[in-house]
Amino acid sequence: MGFAENLRDELEYQGMQVKELAEKTGLSINTLNKYRSGSTVVPTVDNAAKIAKTLNVSLDYLVTGTNSEMSEENAIDVQSLARKLRRFSQNDVQLVTALIDSMSEKYV
C-alpha cells in the first residue's frame, strides 16, 4: 500500500475527518485531499512528518504500511487486521481485545 491508501485507512481507523487533520497540521483541506486521493501530488517530507505526528504513527508506517521498528518476522499488517475486525460483532471485538490483553501480559 502507498501513502494515499495508508492515510485514508489511518484516518478511517482513528475516526478522524480531513477537516480535523487540516486544523491540527496546519495543512489545507485541499492539499490533504490530494494526498488522500493518490493523485500525482506527493507530500513533502515536512508535510508527511506533520501528518504522521498528528496521527501518532511513524512516517515509515504512512509510507510503507509497516513499522520499521518491528522485525519482519514479527511485523503484522495492522491495517489488514483492523479491516477484518470491522466485520466482527461488538461482542467478538471485545473477546478478541480481551484475548490480546491477556496474551500481552506475559510479554510485559
Protein backbone atom coordinates (compact mmCIF):
# COMPACT_ATOMS: atom_id res chain seq x y z
CA MET A 1 0.00 0.00 0.00
CA GLY A 2 1.10 3.54 -0.62
CA PHE A 3 0.88 6.81 1.24
CA ALA A 4 -2.61 7.70 -0.03
CA GLU A 5 -4.18 4.38 0.96
CA ASN A 6 -2.37 4.30 4.31
CA LEU A 7 -3.51 7.85 5.06
CA ARG A 8 -7.12 7.02 4.14
CA ASP A 9 -7.06 3.86 6.25
CA GLU A 10 -5.49 5.58 9.25
CA LEU A 11 -7.99 8.43 9.15
CA GLU A 12 -10.83 5.92 8.98
CA TYR A 13 -9.31 3.80 11.75
CA GLN A 14 -9.00 6.83 14.04
CA GLY A 15 -12.38 8.22 13.04
CA MET A 16 -10.76 11.50 12.07
CA GLN A 17 -12.12 13.78 9.37
CA VAL A 18 -9.86 15.59 6.90
CA LYS A 19 -11.04 18.90 8.33
CA GLU A 20 -9.76 17.92 11.78
CA LEU A 21 -6.43 16.75 10.36
CA ALA A 22 -6.13 20.04 8.48
CA GLU A 23 -6.74 22.03 11.66
CA LYS A 24 -4.19 20.02 13.63
CA THR A 25 -1.45 20.03 10.96
CA GLY A 26 -1.97 23.49 9.52
CA LEU A 27 -2.25 21.96 6.04
CA SER A 28 -5.16 22.87 3.78
CA ILE A 29 -8.08 20.50 3.28
CA ASN A 30 -7.43 20.71 -0.46
CA THR A 31 -3.81 19.60 -0.02
CA LEU A 32 -4.79 16.72 2.28
CA ASN A 33 -7.49 15.59 -0.14
CA LYS A 34 -4.89 15.49 -2.92
CA TYR A 35 -2.67 13.30 -0.73
CA ARG A 36 -5.63 11.02 0.10
CA SER A 37 -6.75 10.71 -3.49
CA GLY A 38 -3.48 9.20 -4.63
CA SER A 39 -3.15 11.76 -7.38
CA THR A 40 0.32 12.62 -8.59
CA VAL A 41 0.71 15.03 -5.67
CA VAL A 42 3.26 13.63 -3.24
CA PRO A 43 3.67 15.23 0.18
CA THR A 44 6.92 16.88 1.10
CA VAL A 45 8.83 15.18 3.89
CA ASP A 46 7.85 18.05 6.20
CA ASN A 47 4.15 17.67 5.41
CA ALA A 48 4.25 13.89 5.69
CA ALA A 49 6.01 14.23 9.06
CA LYS A 50 3.32 16.66 10.29
CA ILE A 51 0.62 14.20 9.28
CA ALA A 52 2.40 11.24 10.90
CA LYS A 53 2.97 13.17 14.14
CA THR A 54 -0.66 14.29 14.27
CA LEU A 55 -1.90 10.74 13.67
CA ASN A 56 0.65 9.39 16.18
CA VAL A 57 2.13 6.94 13.68
CA SER A 58 5.60 6.70 12.21
CA LEU A 59 6.41 8.27 8.89
CA ASP A 60 7.58 4.85 7.76
CA TYR A 61 4.16 3.46 8.60
CA LEU A 62 2.38 6.08 6.49
CA VAL A 63 4.70 5.49 3.54
CA THR A 64 5.00 1.69 3.63
CA GLY A 65 2.20 0.48 5.88
CA THR A 66 4.69 -1.21 8.19
CA ASN A 67 6.70 -0.12 11.17
CA SER A 68 10.44 -0.41 10.67
CA GLU A 69 10.93 -0.85 14.41
CA MET A 70 9.40 -4.31 14.15
CA SER A 71 11.39 -7.20 12.80
CA GLU A 72 10.00 -8.54 9.56
CA GLU A 73 9.12 -11.87 11.12
CA ASN A 74 7.15 -10.13 13.91
CA ALA A 75 5.55 -7.48 11.72
CA ILE A 76 1.81 -7.63 11.33
CA ASP A 77 -0.34 -5.89 8.83
CA VAL A 78 -2.22 -3.75 11.32
CA GLN A 79 -4.47 -2.21 8.70
CA SER A 80 -5.48 -5.59 7.36
CA LEU A 81 -6.21 -6.76 10.88
CA ALA A 82 -8.27 -3.62 11.58
CA ARG A 83 -10.29 -4.18 8.39
CA LYS A 84 -11.03 -7.75 9.45
CA LEU A 85 -12.08 -6.66 12.94
CA ARG A 86 -14.55 -4.15 11.50
CA ARG A 87 -16.58 -7.11 10.22
CA PHE A 88 -16.84 -8.64 13.70
CA SER A 89 -19.73 -8.06 16.04
CA GLN A 90 -19.08 -5.77 19.01
CA ASN A 91 -19.08 -8.83 21.28
CA ASP A 92 -16.48 -10.61 19.15
CA VAL A 93 -14.28 -7.48 19.10
CA GLN A 94 -14.44 -7.38 22.90
CA LEU A 95 -13.45 -11.06 23.08
CA VAL A 96 -10.50 -10.55 20.72
CA THR A 97 -9.41 -7.47 22.67
CA ALA A 98 -9.58 -9.40 25.95
CA LEU A 99 -7.54 -12.22 24.43
CA ILE A 100 -4.88 -9.79 23.17
CA ASP A 101 -4.76 -8.05 26.55
CA SER A 102 -4.39 -11.37 28.33
CA MET A 103 -1.66 -12.60 25.98
CA SER A 104 0.24 -9.31 26.07
CA GLU A 105 0.58 -9.51 29.87
CA LYS A 106 3.12 -12.30 29.52
CA TYR A 107 5.35 -10.05 27.35
CA VAL A 108 5.40 -7.07 29.71
